[in-house]
């Protein structure tokens, strides 16, 4: 999966989502998960991008959208 600018999305990337800071914590299709995030827990979705915001909230996007902006 890629950001809107074409750059590949990588676990560990710092991002802004909806103006809030966060980090990419898993990529379901690629089977890449940060420590502490279980493939078993999220694999039912078949695809998606896990994002954890600095406030601790965690969610999964099926596809990247214009609100997902890489930092750095």
PDB file of N, CA and C in Angstrom:
ATOM      1  N   UNK A   1       0.840  -1.179   0.000  1.00  0.00           N
ATOM      2  CA  UNK A   1       0.000   0.000   0.000  1.00  0.00           C
ATOM      3  C   UNK A   1       0.886   1.244   0.000  1.00  0.00           C
ATOM      4  N   UNK A   2       0.340   2.301  -0.574  1.00  0.00           N
ATOM      5  CA  UNK A   2       1.077   3.549  -0.679  1.00  0.00           C
ATOM      6  C   UNK A   2       0.246   4.718  -0.152  1.00  0.00           C
ATOM      7  N   UNK A   3       0.976   5.747   0.291  1.00  0.00           N
ATOM      8  CA  UNK A   3       0.327   7.006   0.630  1.00  0.00           C
ATOM      9  C   UNK A   3      -0.173   7.655  -0.655  1.00  0.00           C
ATOM     10  N   UNK A   4      -0.985   8.673  -0.535  1.00  0.00           N
ATOM     11  CA  UNK A   4      -1.504   9.399  -1.699  1.00  0.00           C
ATOM     12  C   UNK A   4      -0.367   9.937  -2.569  1.00  0.00           C
ATOM     13  N   UNK A   5       0.798  10.260  -1.955  1.00  0.00           N
ATOM     14  CA  UNK A   5       1.932  10.798  -2.718  1.00  0.00           C
ATOM     15  C   UNK A   5       2.742   9.706  -3.421  1.00  0.00           C
ATOM     16  N   UNK A   6       2.337   8.441  -3.268  1.00  0.00           N
ATOM     17  CA  UNK A   6       3.006   7.326  -3.933  1.00  0.00           C
ATOM     18  C   UNK A   6       4.062   6.625  -3.096  1.00  0.00           C
ATOM     19  N   UNK A   7       4.453   7.219  -1.973  1.00  0.00           N
ATOM     20  CA  UNK A   7       5.464   6.608  -1.102  1.00  0.00           C
ATOM     21  C   UNK A   7       4.879   5.361  -0.438  1.00  0.00           C
ATOM     22  N   UNK A   8       5.649   4.259  -0.379  1.00  0.00           N
ATOM     23  CA  UNK A   8       5.148   3.050   0.278  1.00  0.00           C
ATOM     24  C   UNK A   8       4.915   3.270   1.774  1.00  0.00           C
ATOM     25  N   UNK A   9       3.868   2.673   2.290  1.00  0.00           N
ATOM     26  CA  UNK A   9       3.567   2.711   3.721  1.00  0.00           C
ATOM     27  C   UNK A   9       4.359   1.605   4.397  1.00  0.00           C
ATOM     28  N   UNK A  10       5.051   1.960   5.485  1.00  0.00           N
ATOM     29  CA  UNK A  10       5.908   1.020   6.201  1.00  0.00           C
ATOM     30  C   UNK A  10       5.550   1.062   7.689  1.00  0.00           C
ATOM     31  N   UNK A  11       5.499  -0.120   8.316  1.00  0.00           N
ATOM     32  CA  UNK A  11       5.280  -0.173   9.760  1.00  0.00           C
ATOM     33  C   UNK A  11       6.374   0.641  10.444  1.00  0.00           C
ATOM     34  N   UNK A  12       5.961   1.475  11.388  1.00  0.00           N
ATOM     35  CA  UNK A  12       6.888   2.350  12.098  1.00  0.00           C
ATOM     36  C   UNK A  12       6.880   3.775  11.583  1.00  0.00           C
ATOM     37  N   UNK A  13       6.249   4.000  10.421  1.00  0.00           N
ATOM     38  CA  UNK A  13       6.164   5.363   9.894  1.00  0.00           C
ATOM     39  C   UNK A  13       5.401   6.266  10.855  1.00  0.00           C
ATOM     40  N   UNK A  14       5.930   7.463  11.063  1.00  0.00           N
ATOM     41  CA  UNK A  14       5.192   8.495  11.781  1.00  0.00           C
ATOM     42  C   UNK A  14       4.279   9.182  10.780  1.00  0.00           C
ATOM     43  N   UNK A  15       3.044   9.404  11.198  1.00  0.00           N
ATOM     44  CA  UNK A  15       2.037   9.961  10.297  1.00  0.00           C
ATOM     45  C   UNK A  15       1.189  11.013  11.010  1.00  0.00           C
ATOM     46  N   UNK A  16       0.470  11.759  10.204  1.00  0.00           N
ATOM     47  CA  UNK A  16      -0.643  12.567  10.680  1.00  0.00           C
ATOM     48  C   UNK A  16      -1.891  11.930  10.100  1.00  0.00           C
ATOM     49  N   UNK A  17      -2.921  11.794  10.919  1.00  0.00           N
ATOM     50  CA  UNK A  17      -4.208  11.329  10.396  1.00  0.00           C
ATOM     51  C   UNK A  17      -5.279  12.264  10.935  1.00  0.00           C
ATOM     52  N   UNK A  18      -5.920  12.952  10.033  1.00  0.00           N
ATOM     53  CA  UNK A  18      -6.924  13.928  10.446  1.00  0.00           C
ATOM     54  C   UNK A  18      -6.323  15.016  11.327  1.00  0.00           C
ATOM     55  N   UNK A  19      -5.046  15.338  11.084  1.00  0.00           N
ATOM     56  CA  UNK A  19      -4.364  16.367  11.843  1.00  0.00           C
ATOM     57  C   UNK A  19      -3.790  15.905  13.173  1.00  0.00           C
ATOM     58  N   UNK A  20      -3.936  14.613  13.492  1.00  0.00           N
ATOM     59  CA  UNK A  20      -3.418  14.075  14.759  1.00  0.00           C
ATOM     60  C   UNK A  20      -2.200  13.191  14.489  1.00  0.00           C
ATOM     61  N   UNK A  21      -1.192  13.305  15.361  1.00  0.00           N
ATOM     62  CA  UNK A  21       0.036  12.519  15.209  1.00  0.00           C
ATOM     63  C   UNK A  21      -0.186  11.070  15.603  1.00  0.00           C
ATOM     64  N   UNK A  22       0.459  10.176  14.845  1.00  0.00           N
ATOM     65  CA  UNK A  22       0.370   8.757  15.152  1.00  0.00           C
ATOM     66  C   UNK A  22       1.473   7.994  14.464  1.00  0.00           C
ATOM     67  N   UNK A  23       1.320   6.674  14.470  1.00  0.00           N
ATOM     68  CA  UNK A  23       2.329   5.786  13.890  1.00  0.00           C
ATOM     69  C   UNK A  23       1.626   4.589  13.250  1.00  0.00           C
ATOM     70  N   UNK A  24       2.186   4.126  12.134  1.00  0.00           N
ATOM     71  CA  UNK A  24       1.706   2.899  11.488  1.00  0.00           C
ATOM     72  C   UNK A  24       2.195   1.725  12.336  1.00  0.00           C
ATOM     73  N   UNK A  25       1.256   0.874  12.799  1.00  0.00           N
ATOM     74  CA  UNK A  25       1.642  -0.233  13.680  1.00  0.00           C
ATOM     75  C   UNK A  25       1.437  -1.615  13.052  1.00  0.00           C
ATOM     76  N   UNK A  26       0.677  -1.690  11.973  1.00  0.00           N
ATOM     77  CA  UNK A  26       0.608  -2.954  11.249  1.00  0.00           C
ATOM     78  C   UNK A  26       0.067  -2.763   9.845  1.00  0.00           C
ATOM     79  N   UNK A  27       0.434  -3.718   8.984  1.00  0.00           N
ATOM     80  CA  UNK A  27      -0.065  -3.814   7.616  1.00  0.00           C
ATOM     81  C   UNK A  27      -0.574  -5.239   7.454  1.00  0.00           C
ATOM     82  N   UNK A  28      -1.866  -5.418   7.421  1.00  0.00           N
ATOM     83  CA  UNK A  28      -2.462  -6.750   7.459  1.00  0.00           C
ATOM     84  C   UNK A  28      -2.075  -7.595   6.246  1.00  0.00           C
ATOM     85  N   UNK A  29      -2.256  -7.067   5.044  1.00  0.00           N
ATOM     86  CA  UNK A  29      -1.968  -7.861   3.843  1.00  0.00           C
ATOM     87  C   UNK A  29      -0.517  -8.324   3.782  1.00  0.00           C
ATOM     88  N   UNK A  30       0.390  -7.477   4.236  1.00  0.00           N
ATOM     89  CA  UNK A  30       1.806  -7.813   4.209  1.00  0.00           C
ATOM     90  C   UNK A  30       2.200  -8.706   5.373  1.00  0.00           C
ATOM     91  N   UNK A  31       1.334  -8.819   6.386  1.00  0.00           N
ATOM     92  CA  UNK A  31       1.620  -9.645   7.549  1.00  0.00           C
ATOM     93  C   UNK A  31       2.705  -9.065   8.440  1.00  0.00           C
ATOM     94  N   UNK A  32       2.815  -7.731   8.453  1.00  0.00           N
ATOM     95  CA  UNK A  32       3.846  -7.062   9.245  1.00  0.00           C
ATOM     96  C   UNK A  32       3.169  -6.330  10.405  1.00  0.00           C
ATOM     97  N   UNK A  33       3.569  -6.696  11.629  1.00  0.00           N
ATOM     98  CA  UNK A  33       2.962  -6.138  12.838  1.00  0.00           C
ATOM     99  C   UNK A  33       4.048  -5.684  13.803  1.00  0.00           C
ATOM    100  N   UNK A  34       3.871  -4.499  14.390  1.00  0.00           N
ATOM    101  CA  UNK A  34       4.784  -4.034  15.436  1.00  0.00           C
ATOM    102  C   UNK A  34       4.626  -4.934  16.654  1.00  0.00           C
ATOM    103  N   UNK A  35       5.680  -5.037  17.478  1.00  0.00           N
ATOM    104  CA  UNK A  35       5.553  -5.796  18.724  1.00  0.00           C
ATOM    105  C   UNK A  35       4.375  -5.282  19.548  1.00  0.00           C
ATOM    106  N   UNK A  36       3.614  -6.212  20.095  1.00  0.00           N
ATOM    107  CA  UNK A  36       2.453  -5.842  20.900  1.00  0.00           C
ATOM    108  C   UNK A  36       1.153  -5.790  20.119  1.00  0.00           C
ATOM    109  N   UNK A  37       1.234  -5.971  18.802  1.00  0.00           N
ATOM    110  CA  UNK A  37       0.033  -5.982  17.964  1.00  0.00           C
ATOM    111  C   UNK A  37      -0.072  -7.352  17.310  1.00  0.00           C
ATOM    112  N   UNK A  38      -1.191  -8.010  17.525  1.00  0.00           N
ATOM    113  CA  UNK A  38      -1.350  -9.402  17.141  1.00  0.00           C
ATOM    114  C   UNK A  38      -1.982  -9.568  15.760  1.00  0.00           C
ATOM    115  N   UNK A  39      -1.280 -10.307  14.907  1.00  0.00           N
ATOM    116  CA  UNK A  39      -1.847 -10.642  13.604  1.00  0.00           C
ATOM    117  C   UNK A  39      -3.149 -11.414  13.786  1.00  0.00           C
ATOM    118  N   UNK A  40      -3.165 -12.296  14.764  1.00  0.00           N
ATOM    119  CA  UNK A  40      -4.348 -13.115  15.040  1.00  0.00           C
ATOM    120  C   UNK A  40      -5.570 -12.232  15.334  1.00  0.00           C
ATOM    121  N   UNK A  41      -5.349 -11.147  16.050  1.00  0.00           N
ATOM    122  CA  UNK A  41      -6.436 -10.259  16.436  1.00  0.00           C
ATOM    123  C   UNK A  41      -7.021  -9.477  15.254  1.00  0.00           C
ATOM    124  N   UNK A  42      -6.192  -9.177  14.258  1.00  0.00           N
ATOM    125  CA  UNK A  42      -6.629  -8.313  13.163  1.00  0.00           C
ATOM    126  C   UNK A  42      -6.796  -9.023  11.824  1.00  0.00           C
ATOM    127  N   UNK A  43      -6.367 -10.252  11.682  1.00  0.00           N
ATOM    128  CA  UNK A  43      -6.363 -10.922  10.379  1.00  0.00           C
ATOM    129  C   UNK A  43      -7.758 -11.145   9.799  1.00  0.00           C
ATOM    130  N   UNK A  44      -8.797 -11.096  10.632  1.00  0.00           N
ATOM    131  CA  UNK A  44     -10.167 -11.250  10.118  1.00  0.00           C
ATOM    132  C   UNK A  44     -10.493 -10.177   9.081  1.00  0.00           C
ATOM    133  N   UNK A  45      -9.801  -9.038   9.121  1.00  0.00           N
ATOM    134  CA  UNK A  45     -10.068  -7.944   8.199  1.00  0.00           C
ATOM    135  C   UNK A  45      -9.511  -8.199   6.803  1.00  0.00           C
ATOM    136  N   UNK A  46      -8.541  -9.096   6.673  1.00  0.00           N
ATOM    137  CA  UNK A  46      -7.920  -9.478   5.399  1.00  0.00           C
ATOM    138  C   UNK A  46      -7.001  -8.404   4.815  1.00  0.00           C
ATOM    139  N   UNK A  47      -7.309  -7.119   5.015  1.00  0.00           N
ATOM    140  CA  UNK A  47      -6.425  -6.053   4.562  1.00  0.00           C
ATOM    141  C   UNK A  47      -6.645  -4.832   5.437  1.00  0.00           C
ATOM    142  N   UNK A  48      -5.654  -3.968   5.448  1.00  0.00           N
ATOM    143  CA  UNK A  48      -5.803  -2.735   6.202  1.00  0.00           C
ATOM    144  C   UNK A  48      -4.498  -2.251   6.807  1.00  0.00           C
ATOM    145  N   UNK A  49      -4.578  -1.024   7.318  1.00  0.00           N
ATOM    146  CA  UNK A  49      -3.444  -0.323   7.901  1.00  0.00           C
ATOM    147  C   UNK A  49      -3.802   0.018   9.337  1.00  0.00           C
ATOM    148  N   UNK A  50      -3.008  -0.438  10.294  1.00  0.00           N
ATOM    149  CA  UNK A  50      -3.239  -0.109  11.697  1.00  0.00           C
ATOM    150  C   UNK A  50      -2.521   1.180  12.054  1.00  0.00           C
ATOM    151  N   UNK A  51      -3.255   2.101  12.667  1.00  0.00           N
ATOM    152  CA  UNK A  51      -2.694   3.378  13.080  1.00  0.00           C
ATOM    153  C   UNK A  51      -2.980   3.568  14.562  1.00  0.00           C
ATOM    154  N   UNK A  52      -1.925   3.884  15.308  1.00  0.00           N
ATOM    155  CA  UNK A  52      -2.107   4.228  16.713  1.00  0.00           C
ATOM    156  C   UNK A  52      -1.744   5.701  16.867  1.00  0.00           C
ATOM    157  N   UNK A  53      -2.710   6.485  17.347  1.00  0.00           N
ATOM    158  CA  UNK A  53      -2.484   7.905  17.566  1.00  0.00           C
ATOM    159  C   UNK A  53      -1.758   8.121  18.879  1.00  0.00           C
ATOM    160  N   UNK A  54      -1.171   9.291  19.048  1.00  0.00           N
ATOM    161  CA  UNK A  54      -0.426   9.587  20.271  1.00  0.00           C
ATOM    162  C   UNK A  54      -1.296   9.513  21.514  1.00  0.00           C
ATOM    163  N   UNK A  55      -2.614   9.722  21.362  1.00  0.00           N
ATOM    164  CA  UNK A  55      -3.492   9.629  22.529  1.00  0.00           C
ATOM    165  C   UNK A  55      -3.802   8.182  22.907  1.00  0.00           C
ATOM    166  N   UNK A  56      -3.220   7.211  22.153  1.00  0.00           N
ATOM    167  CA  UNK A  56      -3.399   5.798  22.445  1.00  0.00           C
ATOM    168  C   UNK A  56      -4.504   5.123  21.661  1.00  0.00           C
ATOM    169  N   UNK A  57      -5.350   5.901  20.981  1.00  0.00           N
ATOM    170  CA  UNK A  57      -6.421   5.277  20.208  1.00  0.00           C
ATOM    171  C   UNK A  57      -5.830   4.504  19.031  1.00  0.00           C
ATOM    172  N   UNK A  58      -6.472   3.403  18.696  1.00  0.00           N
ATOM    173  CA  UNK A  58      -6.016   2.490  17.651  1.00  0.00           C
ATOM    174  C   UNK A  58      -7.170   2.227  16.709  1.00  0.00           C
ATOM    175  N   UNK A  59      -6.884   2.294  15.414  1.00  0.00           N
ATOM    176  CA  UNK A  59      -7.917   1.974  14.430  1.00  0.00           C
ATOM    177  C   UNK A  59      -7.266   1.419  13.177  1.00  0.00           C
ATOM    178  N   UNK A  60      -8.098   0.872  12.317  1.00  0.00           N
ATOM    179  CA  UNK A  60      -7.624   0.240  11.092  1.00  0.00           C
ATOM    180  C   UNK A  60      -8.347   0.852   9.902  1.00  0.00           C
ATOM    181  N   UNK A  61      -7.572   1.311   8.922  1.00  0.00           N
ATOM    182  CA  UNK A  61      -8.134   1.794   7.658  1.00  0.00           C
ATOM    183  C   UNK A  61      -8.049   0.666   6.639  1.00  0.00           C
ATOM    184  N   UNK A  62      -9.113   0.450   5.889  1.00  0.00           N
ATOM    185  CA  UNK A  62      -9.065  -0.553   4.829  1.00  0.00           C
ATOM    186  C   UNK A  62      -8.112  -0.124   3.718  1.00  0.00           C
ATOM    187  N   UNK A  63      -8.117   1.152   3.411  1.00  0.00           N
ATOM    188  CA  UNK A  63      -7.285   1.727   2.355  1.00  0.00           C
ATOM    189  C   UNK A  63      -6.753   3.071   2.831  1.00  0.00           C
ATOM    190  N   UNK A  64      -5.569   3.473   2.384  1.00  0.00           N
ATOM    191  CA  UNK A  64      -5.095   4.808   2.721  1.00  0.00           C
ATOM    192  C   UNK A  64      -6.000   5.856   2.073  1.00  0.00           C
ATOM    193  N   UNK A  65      -6.125   7.003   2.717  1.00  0.00           N
ATOM    194  CA  UNK A  65      -6.917   8.086   2.140  1.00  0.00           C
ATOM    195  C   UNK A  65      -6.159   9.397   2.279  1.00  0.00           C
ATOM    196  N   UNK A  66      -6.779  10.476   1.826  1.00  0.00           N
ATOM    197  CA  UNK A  66      -6.106  11.775   1.809  1.00  0.00           C
ATOM    198  C   UNK A  66      -5.795  12.314   3.202  1.00  0.00           C
ATOM    199  N   UNK A  67      -6.423  11.765   4.247  1.00  0.00           N
ATOM    200  CA  UNK A  67      -6.153  12.207   5.609  1.00  0.00           C
ATOM    201  C   UNK A  67      -4.907  11.565   6.209  1.00  0.00           C
ATOM    202  N   UNK A  68      -4.345  10.552   5.554  1.00  0.00           N
ATOM    203  CA  UNK A  68      -3.147   9.847   6.035  1.00  0.00           C
ATOM    204  C   UNK A  68      -1.918  10.466   5.384  1.00  0.00           C
ATOM    205  N   UNK A  69      -1.137  11.188   6.189  1.00  0.00           N
ATOM    206  CA  UNK A  69       0.006  11.941   5.659  1.00  0.00           C
ATOM    207  C   UNK A  69       1.289  11.491   6.360  1.00  0.00           C
ATOM    208  N   UNK A  70       2.283  11.031   5.568  1.00  0.00           N
ATOM    209  CA  UNK A  70       3.549  10.625   6.177  1.00  0.00           C
ATOM    210  C   UNK A  70       4.297  11.844   6.718  1.00  0.00           C
ATOM    211  N   UNK A  71       5.033  11.638   7.806  1.00  0.00           N
ATOM    212  CA  UNK A  71       5.863  12.691   8.395  1.00  0.00           C
ATOM    213  C   UNK A  71       7.323  12.284   8.283  1.00  0.00           C
ATOM    214  N   UNK A  72       8.148  13.217   7.930  1.00  0.00           N
ATOM    215  CA  UNK A  72       9.581  12.930   7.859  1.00  0.00           C
ATOM    216  C   UNK A  72      10.054  12.413   6.552  1.00  0.00           C
TER     217      UNK A  72
END
